[in-house]
Amino acid sequence: MHTPSKAVFKQKKFKKYEGGVFTNMDNKNAVKQAKLLLADIRKKLDRWNERSQFVIRGVNNLSRSDLDTLQLYAETFIENNGYGFQGLMRPLSGVKAVLDKYGIVEQINNY
């Protein structure tokens, strides 16, 4: 089996070489952050009333619809093992700000 050179290893910023495949450890951490986001959304929704505006990690004025959108992005991110939101539009405004706070938007290169 061919082992890639150190230059390729450093250029791609991969952390580990497992079974002939590079794995990016940052993706695993990002998936953990997406799971944490889902847990935070569930906590917020448990305390929801009709007039609530939500705050997640300092991002103010999030609506119920924004939380539903965040949940969709987080679930898609987890299903794709941290490799983006295939099939979804680019996150905007408050949704993008929350995803940035959790560190999962940076992993997206597919749009």
N, C-alpha and C. Protein backbone atom coordinates (compact mmCIF):
# COMPACT_ATOMS: atom_id res chain seq x y z
N MET A 1 0.84 -1.17 0.00
CA MET A 1 0.00 0.00 0.00
C MET A 1 0.89 1.24 0.00
N HIS A 2 0.49 2.21 -0.79
CA HIS A 2 1.25 3.46 -0.90
C HIS A 2 0.91 4.40 0.26
N THR A 3 1.92 4.87 0.97
CA THR A 3 1.73 5.85 2.04
C THR A 3 2.07 7.23 1.49
N PRO A 4 1.17 8.19 1.61
CA PRO A 4 1.42 9.53 1.08
C PRO A 4 2.61 10.21 1.75
N SER A 5 3.19 11.14 1.04
CA SER A 5 4.34 11.87 1.57
C SER A 5 3.91 12.79 2.71
N LYS A 6 4.90 13.24 3.49
CA LYS A 6 4.62 14.15 4.59
C LYS A 6 4.08 15.48 4.09
N ALA A 7 4.50 15.91 2.91
CA ALA A 7 4.02 17.17 2.36
C ALA A 7 2.52 17.11 2.10
N VAL A 8 2.05 16.00 1.54
CA VAL A 8 0.61 15.84 1.30
C VAL A 8 -0.12 15.79 2.63
N PHE A 9 0.45 15.11 3.59
CA PHE A 9 -0.17 14.99 4.91
C PHE A 9 -0.36 16.37 5.55
N LYS A 10 0.67 17.23 5.48
CA LYS A 10 0.59 18.56 6.07
C LYS A 10 -0.32 19.47 5.27
N GLN A 11 -0.27 19.38 3.94
CA GLN A 11 -1.05 20.25 3.09
C GLN A 11 -2.55 20.08 3.33
N LYS A 12 -3.00 18.86 3.51
CA LYS A 12 -4.42 18.61 3.69
C LYS A 12 -4.88 18.77 5.13
N LYS A 13 -3.96 19.00 6.03
CA LYS A 13 -4.27 19.23 7.44
C LYS A 13 -5.01 18.06 8.07
N PHE A 14 -4.67 16.86 7.63
CA PHE A 14 -5.28 15.67 8.21
C PHE A 14 -4.52 15.31 9.48
N LYS A 15 -5.24 14.76 10.42
CA LYS A 15 -4.67 14.48 11.72
C LYS A 15 -4.20 13.05 11.89
N LYS A 16 -4.79 12.11 11.17
CA LYS A 16 -4.52 10.72 11.44
C LYS A 16 -4.62 9.91 10.15
N TYR A 17 -3.85 8.85 10.06
CA TYR A 17 -3.86 7.97 8.90
C TYR A 17 -4.34 6.61 9.38
N GLU A 18 -5.58 6.24 9.00
CA GLU A 18 -6.16 4.98 9.47
C GLU A 18 -6.49 4.08 8.29
N GLY A 19 -5.90 2.93 8.26
CA GLY A 19 -6.26 1.91 7.28
C GLY A 19 -6.21 2.38 5.84
N GLY A 20 -5.21 3.18 5.49
CA GLY A 20 -5.08 3.66 4.12
C GLY A 20 -5.89 4.89 3.81
N VAL A 21 -6.58 5.45 4.81
CA VAL A 21 -7.43 6.62 4.59
C VAL A 21 -7.09 7.67 5.63
N PHE A 22 -6.93 8.90 5.17
CA PHE A 22 -6.76 10.00 6.11
C PHE A 22 -8.10 10.33 6.75
N THR A 23 -8.09 10.60 8.02
CA THR A 23 -9.30 11.08 8.68
C THR A 23 -9.02 12.43 9.28
N ASN A 24 -9.96 13.30 9.15
CA ASN A 24 -9.81 14.64 9.69
C ASN A 24 -10.47 14.65 11.07
N MET A 25 -9.66 14.74 12.10
CA MET A 25 -10.18 14.70 13.47
C MET A 25 -11.08 15.90 13.76
N ASP A 26 -10.90 17.00 13.02
CA ASP A 26 -11.75 18.16 13.21
C ASP A 26 -13.20 17.84 12.88
N ASN A 27 -13.43 16.97 11.90
CA ASN A 27 -14.79 16.59 11.55
C ASN A 27 -15.47 15.86 12.70
N LYS A 28 -14.72 15.01 13.40
CA LYS A 28 -15.30 14.30 14.53
C LYS A 28 -15.69 15.29 15.63
N ASN A 29 -14.85 16.28 15.87
CA ASN A 29 -15.17 17.30 16.86
C ASN A 29 -16.36 18.13 16.42
N ALA A 30 -16.44 18.44 15.13
CA ALA A 30 -17.56 19.22 14.62
C ALA A 30 -18.87 18.45 14.75
N VAL A 31 -18.83 17.13 14.54
CA VAL A 31 -20.03 16.31 14.72
C VAL A 31 -20.47 16.34 16.18
N LYS A 32 -19.51 16.31 17.10
CA LYS A 32 -19.84 16.42 18.52
C LYS A 32 -20.50 17.76 18.81
N GLN A 33 -19.99 18.81 18.19
CA GLN A 33 -20.58 20.14 18.38
C GLN A 33 -22.00 20.20 17.80
N ALA A 34 -22.23 19.52 16.68
CA ALA A 34 -23.57 19.48 16.09
C ALA A 34 -24.54 18.74 17.03
N LYS A 35 -24.07 17.68 17.67
CA LYS A 35 -24.91 16.96 18.63
C LYS A 35 -25.21 17.84 19.84
N LEU A 36 -24.22 18.62 20.26
CA LEU A 36 -24.42 19.56 21.36
C LEU A 36 -25.45 20.62 20.97
N LEU A 37 -25.39 21.10 19.73
CA LEU A 37 -26.38 22.06 19.24
C LEU A 37 -27.77 21.48 19.29
N LEU A 38 -27.94 20.23 18.87
CA LEU A 38 -29.26 19.58 18.94
C LEU A 38 -29.76 19.51 20.38
N ALA A 39 -28.89 19.19 21.31
CA ALA A 39 -29.29 19.13 22.72
C ALA A 39 -29.71 20.51 23.22
N ASP A 40 -28.97 21.54 22.83
CA ASP A 40 -29.31 22.90 23.24
C ASP A 40 -30.65 23.34 22.66
N ILE A 41 -30.93 22.96 21.41
CA ILE A 41 -32.21 23.30 20.79
C ILE A 41 -33.35 22.62 21.54
N ARG A 42 -33.16 21.35 21.89
CA ARG A 42 -34.21 20.64 22.64
C ARG A 42 -34.49 21.29 23.99
N LYS A 43 -33.43 21.74 24.67
CA LYS A 43 -33.61 22.44 25.95
C LYS A 43 -34.39 23.72 25.78
N LYS A 44 -34.07 24.47 24.74
CA LYS A 44 -34.77 25.73 24.48
C LYS A 44 -36.23 25.48 24.16
N LEU A 45 -36.51 24.46 23.38
CA LEU A 45 -37.90 24.18 23.00
C LEU A 45 -38.73 23.67 24.17
N ASP A 46 -38.09 23.02 25.14
CA ASP A 46 -38.82 22.56 26.32
C ASP A 46 -39.36 23.73 27.14
N ARG A 47 -38.67 24.86 27.08
CA ARG A 47 -39.09 26.04 27.84
C ARG A 47 -39.75 27.09 26.96
N TRP A 48 -40.28 26.69 25.84
CA TRP A 48 -40.82 27.62 24.85
C TRP A 48 -42.26 27.99 25.16
N ASN A 49 -42.60 29.27 24.93
CA ASN A 49 -43.99 29.67 24.86
C ASN A 49 -44.18 30.46 23.58
N GLU A 50 -45.40 30.85 23.27
CA GLU A 50 -45.68 31.45 21.96
C GLU A 50 -44.94 32.75 21.71
N ARG A 51 -44.58 33.47 22.75
CA ARG A 51 -43.95 34.78 22.57
C ARG A 51 -42.44 34.74 22.71
N SER A 52 -41.88 33.56 22.83
CA SER A 52 -40.44 33.45 23.07
C SER A 52 -39.61 33.84 21.85
N GLN A 53 -38.55 34.55 22.12
CA GLN A 53 -37.45 34.72 21.18
C GLN A 53 -36.27 34.03 21.85
N PHE A 54 -35.50 33.33 21.09
CA PHE A 54 -34.46 32.48 21.66
C PHE A 54 -33.09 33.13 21.55
N VAL A 55 -32.21 32.75 22.49
CA VAL A 55 -30.81 33.15 22.48
C VAL A 55 -29.98 31.87 22.61
N ILE A 56 -29.11 31.65 21.65
CA ILE A 56 -28.21 30.50 21.70
C ILE A 56 -26.80 31.02 21.51
N ARG A 57 -25.95 30.76 22.49
CA ARG A 57 -24.54 31.17 22.48
C ARG A 57 -24.36 32.64 22.10
N GLY A 58 -25.20 33.48 22.65
CA GLY A 58 -25.05 34.92 22.44
C GLY A 58 -25.70 35.46 21.19
N VAL A 59 -26.28 34.61 20.36
CA VAL A 59 -26.98 35.07 19.16
C VAL A 59 -28.44 35.31 19.57
N ASN A 60 -28.85 36.57 19.49
CA ASN A 60 -30.17 36.98 19.97
C ASN A 60 -31.23 36.90 18.88
N ASN A 61 -32.47 36.95 19.34
CA ASN A 61 -33.64 37.15 18.48
C ASN A 61 -33.83 36.02 17.47
N LEU A 62 -33.62 34.79 17.89
CA LEU A 62 -33.88 33.64 17.03
C LEU A 62 -35.34 33.22 17.19
N SER A 63 -35.99 32.94 16.09
CA SER A 63 -37.39 32.52 16.13
C SER A 63 -37.49 31.01 16.22
N ARG A 64 -38.70 30.54 16.37
CA ARG A 64 -38.96 29.09 16.37
C ARG A 64 -38.54 28.49 15.03
N SER A 65 -38.81 29.20 13.96
CA SER A 65 -38.42 28.74 12.63
C SER A 65 -36.90 28.62 12.51
N ASP A 66 -36.17 29.58 13.11
CA ASP A 66 -34.71 29.50 13.10
C ASP A 66 -34.23 28.25 13.82
N LEU A 67 -34.87 27.90 14.94
CA LEU A 67 -34.48 26.69 15.67
C LEU A 67 -34.76 25.43 14.84
N ASP A 68 -35.89 25.43 14.13
CA ASP A 68 -36.18 24.29 13.25
C ASP A 68 -35.14 24.17 12.15
N THR A 69 -34.73 25.31 11.60
CA THR A 69 -33.71 25.32 10.55
C THR A 69 -32.37 24.84 11.10
N LEU A 70 -32.01 25.31 12.29
CA LEU A 70 -30.77 24.87 12.92
C LEU A 70 -30.78 23.37 13.17
N GLN A 71 -31.92 22.87 13.58
CA GLN A 71 -32.05 21.43 13.81
C GLN A 71 -31.84 20.65 12.51
N LEU A 72 -32.42 21.13 11.42
CA LEU A 72 -32.25 20.48 10.12
C LEU A 72 -30.78 20.48 9.71
N TYR A 73 -30.10 21.63 9.86
CA TYR A 73 -28.68 21.70 9.49
C TYR A 73 -27.84 20.77 10.36
N ALA A 74 -28.09 20.74 11.66
CA ALA A 74 -27.31 19.90 12.56
C ALA A 74 -27.52 18.41 12.24
N GLU A 75 -28.77 18.01 12.01
CA GLU A 75 -29.04 16.61 11.70
C GLU A 75 -28.40 16.21 10.37
N THR A 76 -28.45 17.09 9.38
CA THR A 76 -27.82 16.81 8.08
C THR A 76 -26.31 16.71 8.23
N PHE A 77 -25.73 17.60 9.03
CA PHE A 77 -24.29 17.59 9.27
C PHE A 77 -23.85 16.29 9.92
N ILE A 78 -24.63 15.82 10.90
CA ILE A 78 -24.31 14.56 11.59
C ILE A 78 -24.43 13.38 10.62
N GLU A 79 -25.49 13.36 9.81
CA GLU A 79 -25.68 12.27 8.85
C GLU A 79 -24.54 12.21 7.84
N ASN A 80 -23.97 13.37 7.50
CA ASN A 80 -22.86 13.42 6.53
C ASN A 80 -21.50 13.28 7.21
N ASN A 81 -21.49 12.90 8.46
CA ASN A 81 -20.25 12.70 9.23
C ASN A 81 -19.34 13.92 9.22
N GLY A 82 -19.94 15.09 9.26
CA GLY A 82 -19.17 16.32 9.36
C GLY A 82 -18.64 16.85 8.05
N TYR A 83 -19.17 16.36 6.94
CA TYR A 83 -18.69 16.82 5.64
C TYR A 83 -19.70 17.70 4.93
N GLY A 84 -20.38 18.58 5.64
CA GLY A 84 -21.20 19.60 5.01
C GLY A 84 -22.68 19.33 5.02
N PHE A 85 -23.37 20.22 4.35
CA PHE A 85 -24.84 20.20 4.28
C PHE A 85 -25.29 19.96 2.85
N GLN A 86 -24.98 18.82 2.31
CA GLN A 86 -25.32 18.55 0.92
C GLN A 86 -26.82 18.63 0.71
N GLY A 87 -27.22 19.40 -0.32
CA GLY A 87 -28.62 19.53 -0.65
C GLY A 87 -29.32 20.68 0.03
N LEU A 88 -28.65 21.36 0.95
CA LEU A 88 -29.26 22.50 1.63
C LEU A 88 -28.59 23.79 1.16
N MET A 89 -29.36 24.88 1.23
CA MET A 89 -28.79 26.17 0.84
C MET A 89 -27.80 26.66 1.89
N ARG A 90 -27.00 27.62 1.53
CA ARG A 90 -26.02 28.21 2.43
C ARG A 90 -26.75 28.85 3.61
N PRO A 91 -26.32 28.58 4.84
CA PRO A 91 -26.97 29.19 6.00
C PRO A 91 -26.75 30.70 6.01
N LEU A 92 -27.76 31.44 6.44
CA LEU A 92 -27.72 32.90 6.45
C LEU A 92 -28.08 33.46 7.82
N SER A 93 -27.75 34.68 8.05
CA SER A 93 -28.10 35.52 9.21
C SER A 93 -27.88 34.81 10.55
N GLY A 94 -28.92 34.77 11.38
CA GLY A 94 -28.79 34.20 12.72
C GLY A 94 -28.43 32.73 12.71
N VAL A 95 -28.94 32.00 11.75
CA VAL A 95 -28.63 30.57 11.64
C VAL A 95 -27.13 30.39 11.39
N LYS A 96 -26.58 31.16 10.47
CA LYS A 96 -25.15 31.08 10.19
C LYS A 96 -24.33 31.49 11.42
N ALA A 97 -24.78 32.51 12.13
CA ALA A 97 -24.06 32.97 13.31
C ALA A 97 -24.00 31.88 14.38
N VAL A 98 -25.11 31.17 14.59
CA VAL A 98 -25.12 30.08 15.58
C VAL A 98 -24.22 28.94 15.13
N LEU A 99 -24.30 28.57 13.86
CA LEU A 99 -23.44 27.50 13.35
C LEU A 99 -21.97 27.88 13.47
N ASP A 100 -21.65 29.15 13.24
CA ASP A 100 -20.27 29.62 13.44
C ASP A 100 -19.84 29.48 14.89
N LYS A 101 -20.73 29.81 15.82
CA LYS A 101 -20.41 29.72 17.25
C LYS A 101 -20.11 28.28 17.65
N TYR A 102 -20.79 27.33 17.02
CA TYR A 102 -20.54 25.92 17.31
C TYR A 102 -19.39 25.36 16.49
N GLY A 103 -18.89 26.13 15.54
CA GLY A 103 -17.73 25.71 14.75
C GLY A 103 -18.02 24.69 13.69
N ILE A 104 -19.24 24.66 13.17
CA ILE A 104 -19.53 23.64 12.16
C ILE A 104 -19.68 24.20 10.75
N VAL A 105 -19.75 25.49 10.57
CA VAL A 105 -19.83 26.06 9.23
C VAL A 105 -18.47 25.99 8.54
N GLU A 106 -17.40 26.12 9.29
CA GLU A 106 -16.05 26.13 8.71
C GLU A 106 -15.72 24.84 7.98
N GLN A 107 -16.40 23.76 8.29
CA GLN A 107 -16.10 22.47 7.68
C GLN A 107 -16.69 22.33 6.29
N ILE A 108 -17.46 23.31 5.84
CA ILE A 108 -18.20 23.18 4.59
C ILE A 108 -17.38 23.73 3.44
N ASN A 109 -17.17 22.92 2.41
CA ASN A 109 -16.44 23.35 1.23
C ASN A 109 -17.23 23.06 -0.03
N ASN A 110 -18.48 22.63 0.10
CA ASN A 110 -19.17 22.11 -1.08
C ASN A 110 -20.12 23.11 -1.73
N TYR A 111 -19.96 24.43 -1.47
CA TYR A 111 -20.78 25.39 -2.20
C TYR A 111 -20.09 26.66 -2.44
